Amino acid sequence: QVQLVESGGGLVQSGGSLRLSCELSGFTSNYWAIGWFRQAPGKKREGVSVISMADGYTVTADSVKGRFTISINSAKTTVYLQMNSLKSEDTAIYYCAAGNKHHVDPNLILYDLEYDYWGQGTQVTVSL
């Protein structure tokens, strides 16, 4: 059974950094895309960054490009989201998600409908 567990959220000052972790379990192949999404109060869920377990291909939203970096450990058991130069508008609940993909389409992969499994989320709050 596929499971994803996020950790690493918290309160940080504007300009600071946080690293989120998503622990993966129950995966029996590498044909998965693992994505980070976020949802702020009153706003739609937004795709942030995605990585392919098969080949490490990544897609990152323009809103965080240059500040956020997604990566996966060599054992493919944890996906990280390094968040630098945080801004107040980055405040949200951050979710990790998994979609069964043989091919990652960069035009679609940041949409939440592409994903089958979700973690419980971790709160990130950036203070001014």
C-alpha atoms as a PDB file:
ATOM      1  CA  GLN A   1       0.000   0.000   0.000  1.00  0.00           C
ATOM      2  CA  VAL A   2       1.451   3.335  -1.092  1.00  0.00           C
ATOM      3  CA  GLN A   3       1.952   5.772   1.753  1.00  0.00           C
ATOM      4  CA  LEU A   4       3.473   9.242   1.952  1.00  0.00           C
ATOM      5  CA  VAL A   5       4.350  11.045   5.172  1.00  0.00           C
ATOM      6  CA  GLU A   6       5.429  14.688   5.170  1.00  0.00           C
ATOM      7  CA  SER A   7       7.553  16.393   7.799  1.00  0.00           C
ATOM      8  CA  GLY A   8       9.701  19.475   8.230  1.00  0.00           C
ATOM      9  CA  GLY A   9       7.143  22.240   8.251  1.00  0.00           C
ATOM     10  CA  GLY A  10       7.187  25.043  10.765  1.00  0.00           C
ATOM     11  CA  LEU A  11       7.413  28.764  11.373  1.00  0.00           C
ATOM     12  CA  VAL A  12      10.210  30.703   9.691  1.00  0.00           C
ATOM     13  CA  GLN A  13      10.970  34.370   9.093  1.00  0.00           C
ATOM     14  CA  SER A  14      10.789  35.890   5.648  1.00  0.00           C
ATOM     15  CA  GLY A  15      14.035  35.220   3.789  1.00  0.00           C
ATOM     16  CA  GLY A  16      14.670  32.031   5.739  1.00  0.00           C
ATOM     17  CA  SER A  17      14.849  28.403   4.663  1.00  0.00           C
ATOM     18  CA  LEU A  18      13.107  25.125   5.400  1.00  0.00           C
ATOM     19  CA  ARG A  19      13.510  21.598   4.087  1.00  0.00           C
ATOM     20  CA  LEU A  20      10.445  19.425   3.781  1.00  0.00           C
ATOM     21  CA  SER A  21      10.673  15.644   3.643  1.00  0.00           C
ATOM     22  CA  CYS A  22       8.247  13.113   2.199  1.00  0.00           C
ATOM     23  CA  GLU A  23       8.840   9.530   3.310  1.00  0.00           C
ATOM     24  CA  LEU A  24       7.745   7.000   0.719  1.00  0.00           C
ATOM     25  CA  SER A  25       6.601   3.418   1.321  1.00  0.00           C
ATOM     26  CA  GLY A  26       4.728   0.710  -0.567  1.00  0.00           C
ATOM     27  CA  PHE A  27       6.143   1.526  -4.013  1.00  0.00           C
ATOM     28  CA  THR A  28       6.911  -1.562  -6.126  1.00  0.00           C
ATOM     29  CA  SER A  29       8.242   0.181  -9.249  1.00  0.00           C
ATOM     30  CA  ASN A  30       9.950   3.441 -10.224  1.00  0.00           C
ATOM     31  CA  TYR A  31       7.172   4.574 -12.580  1.00  0.00           C
ATOM     32  CA  TRP A  32       5.946   7.220 -10.223  1.00  0.00           C
ATOM     33  CA  ALA A  33       5.993  10.986 -10.138  1.00  0.00           C
ATOM     34  CA  ILE A  34       6.281  12.469  -6.659  1.00  0.00           C
ATOM     35  CA  GLY A  35       4.995  16.000  -6.355  1.00  0.00           C
ATOM     36  CA  TRP A  36       4.838  18.748  -3.786  1.00  0.00           C
ATOM     37  CA  PHE A  37       1.663  20.811  -3.726  1.00  0.00           C
ATOM     38  CA  ARG A  38       0.504  23.599  -1.453  1.00  0.00           C
ATOM     39  CA  GLN A  39      -2.768  25.143  -0.445  1.00  0.00           C
ATOM     40  CA  ALA A  40      -3.146  28.481   1.265  1.00  0.00           C
ATOM     41  CA  PRO A  41      -6.363  29.464   3.078  1.00  0.00           C
ATOM     42  CA  GLY A  42      -9.053  30.397   0.576  1.00  0.00           C
ATOM     43  CA  LYS A  43      -6.949  29.428  -2.416  1.00  0.00           C
ATOM     44  CA  LYS A  44      -6.830  26.495  -4.823  1.00  0.00           C
ATOM     45  CA  ARG A  45      -4.241  23.786  -4.390  1.00  0.00           C
ATOM     46  CA  GLU A  46      -1.123  24.650  -6.410  1.00  0.00           C
ATOM     47  CA  GLY A  47       1.539  22.363  -7.848  1.00  0.00           C
ATOM     48  CA  VAL A  48       5.002  23.397  -6.644  1.00  0.00           C
ATOM     49  CA  SER A  49       7.525  20.860  -7.899  1.00  0.00           C
ATOM     50  CA  VAL A  50       7.637  17.285  -9.148  1.00  0.00           C
ATOM     51  CA  ILE A  51      10.303  14.632  -9.591  1.00  0.00           C
ATOM     52  CA  SER A  52      10.217  11.387 -11.540  1.00  0.00           C
ATOM     53  CA  MET A  53      11.391   8.352  -9.553  1.00  0.00           C
ATOM     54  CA  ALA A  54      12.465   6.673 -12.793  1.00  0.00           C
ATOM     55  CA  ASP A  55      14.968   9.207 -14.066  1.00  0.00           C
ATOM     56  CA  GLY A  56      15.022  12.183 -11.702  1.00  0.00           C
ATOM     57  CA  TYR A  57      13.370  14.517 -14.226  1.00  0.00           C
ATOM     58  CA  THR A  58      11.954  17.573 -12.448  1.00  0.00           C
ATOM     59  CA  VAL A  59       9.331  20.204 -13.134  1.00  0.00           C
ATOM     60  CA  THR A  60       9.047  23.326 -10.972  1.00  0.00           C
ATOM     61  CA  ALA A  61       6.403  26.039 -10.928  1.00  0.00           C
ATOM     62  CA  ASP A  62       7.479  29.494 -12.072  1.00  0.00           C
ATOM     63  CA  SER A  63       6.317  30.966  -8.745  1.00  0.00           C
ATOM     64  CA  VAL A  64       9.079  29.160  -6.848  1.00  0.00           C
ATOM     65  CA  LYS A  65      11.704  28.547  -9.540  1.00  0.00           C
ATOM     66  CA  GLY A  66      15.149  29.561  -8.343  1.00  0.00           C
ATOM     67  CA  ARG A  67      14.095  29.351  -4.687  1.00  0.00           C
ATOM     68  CA  PHE A  68      12.768  25.798  -4.254  1.00  0.00           C
ATOM     69  CA  THR A  69      14.591  22.600  -5.211  1.00  0.00           C
ATOM     70  CA  ILE A  70      13.150  19.083  -5.266  1.00  0.00           C
ATOM     71  CA  SER A  71      15.343  16.013  -4.875  1.00  0.00           C
ATOM     72  CA  ILE A  72      15.193  12.314  -4.011  1.00  0.00           C
ATOM     73  CA  ASN A  73      17.632  10.191  -2.041  1.00  0.00           C
ATOM     74  CA  SER A  74      19.550   7.358  -3.717  1.00  0.00           C
ATOM     75  CA  ALA A  75      17.398   4.697  -2.049  1.00  0.00           C
ATOM     76  CA  LYS A  76      14.288   6.436  -3.427  1.00  0.00           C
ATOM     77  CA  THR A  77      12.637   6.379  -0.021  1.00  0.00           C
ATOM     78  CA  THR A  78      12.496  10.128   0.660  1.00  0.00           C
ATOM     79  CA  VAL A  79      11.735  13.157  -1.497  1.00  0.00           C
ATOM     80  CA  TYR A  80      12.887  16.553  -0.274  1.00  0.00           C
ATOM     81  CA  LEU A  81      11.783  20.091  -0.995  1.00  0.00           C
ATOM     82  CA  GLN A  82      14.471  22.627  -0.122  1.00  0.00           C
ATOM     83  CA  MET A  83      12.836  26.021   0.231  1.00  0.00           C
ATOM     84  CA  ASN A  84      15.067  29.114   0.312  1.00  0.00           C
ATOM     85  CA  SER A  85      14.349  32.835   0.344  1.00  0.00           C
ATOM     86  CA  LEU A  86      10.906  32.162   1.745  1.00  0.00           C
ATOM     87  CA  LYS A  87       8.232  34.810   1.380  1.00  0.00           C
ATOM     88  CA  SER A  88       4.984  35.379   3.247  1.00  0.00           C
ATOM     89  CA  GLU A  89       3.079  34.211   0.168  1.00  0.00           C
ATOM     90  CA  ASP A  90       4.696  30.769   0.559  1.00  0.00           C
ATOM     91  CA  THR A  91       2.611  30.238   3.697  1.00  0.00           C
ATOM     92  CA  ALA A  92       0.420  27.185   3.112  1.00  0.00           C
ATOM     93  CA  ILE A  93      -0.131  23.545   3.929  1.00  0.00           C
ATOM     94  CA  TYR A  94       2.325  21.562   1.828  1.00  0.00           C
ATOM     95  CA  TYR A  95       1.310  18.132   0.570  1.00  0.00           C
ATOM     96  CA  CYS A  96       3.286  15.333  -0.977  1.00  0.00           C
ATOM     97  CA  ALA A  97       1.559  13.259  -3.670  1.00  0.00           C
ATOM     98  CA  ALA A  98       2.286  10.267  -5.894  1.00  0.00           C
ATOM     99  CA  GLY A  99       1.062   9.584  -9.406  1.00  0.00           C
ATOM    100  CA  ASN A 100       1.685   6.354 -11.337  1.00  0.00           C
ATOM    101  CA  LYS A 101       3.414   7.585 -14.520  1.00  0.00           C
ATOM    102  CA  HIS A 102       5.432   5.908 -17.240  1.00  0.00           C
ATOM    103  CA  HIS A 103       5.960   9.327 -18.772  1.00  0.00           C
ATOM    104  CA  VAL A 104       5.998  12.733 -17.104  1.00  0.00           C
ATOM    105  CA  ASP A 105       4.282  15.380 -19.227  1.00  0.00           C
ATOM    106  CA  PRO A 106       5.608  18.769 -18.102  1.00  0.00           C
ATOM    107  CA  ASN A 107       2.401  20.448 -19.272  1.00  0.00           C
ATOM    108  CA  LEU A 108       0.213  18.312 -17.008  1.00  0.00           C
ATOM    109  CA  ILE A 109       2.303  17.083 -14.101  1.00  0.00           C
ATOM    110  CA  LEU A 110       1.673  20.085 -11.818  1.00  0.00           C
ATOM    111  CA  TYR A 111      -2.090  19.458 -11.852  1.00  0.00           C
ATOM    112  CA  ASP A 112      -3.384  17.645  -8.758  1.00  0.00           C
ATOM    113  CA  LEU A 113      -5.737  15.453 -10.816  1.00  0.00           C
ATOM    114  CA  GLU A 114      -2.631  13.621 -12.074  1.00  0.00           C
ATOM    115  CA  TYR A 115      -2.043  12.142  -8.615  1.00  0.00           C
ATOM    116  CA  ASP A 116      -3.456   9.063  -6.916  1.00  0.00           C
ATOM    117  CA  TYR A 117      -2.079   9.166  -3.382  1.00  0.00           C
ATOM    118  CA  TRP A 118      -1.647  12.042  -0.934  1.00  0.00           C
ATOM    119  CA  GLY A 119       0.029  12.628   2.388  1.00  0.00           C
ATOM    120  CA  GLN A 120      -1.580  14.395   5.323  1.00  0.00           C
ATOM    121  CA  GLY A 121       0.245  17.695   4.786  1.00  0.00           C
ATOM    122  CA  THR A 122       2.618  19.848   6.804  1.00  0.00           C
ATOM    123  CA  GLN A 123       2.093  23.507   7.679  1.00  0.00           C
ATOM    124  CA  VAL A 124       4.616  26.110   6.556  1.00  0.00           C
ATOM    125  CA  THR A 125       4.201  29.609   7.965  1.00  0.00           C
ATOM    126  CA  VAL A 126       6.444  32.461   6.855  1.00  0.00           C
ATOM    127  CA  SER A 127       6.332  35.531   9.062  1.00  0.00           C
ATOM    128  CA  LEU A 128       7.130  39.041   7.879  1.00  0.00           C
END
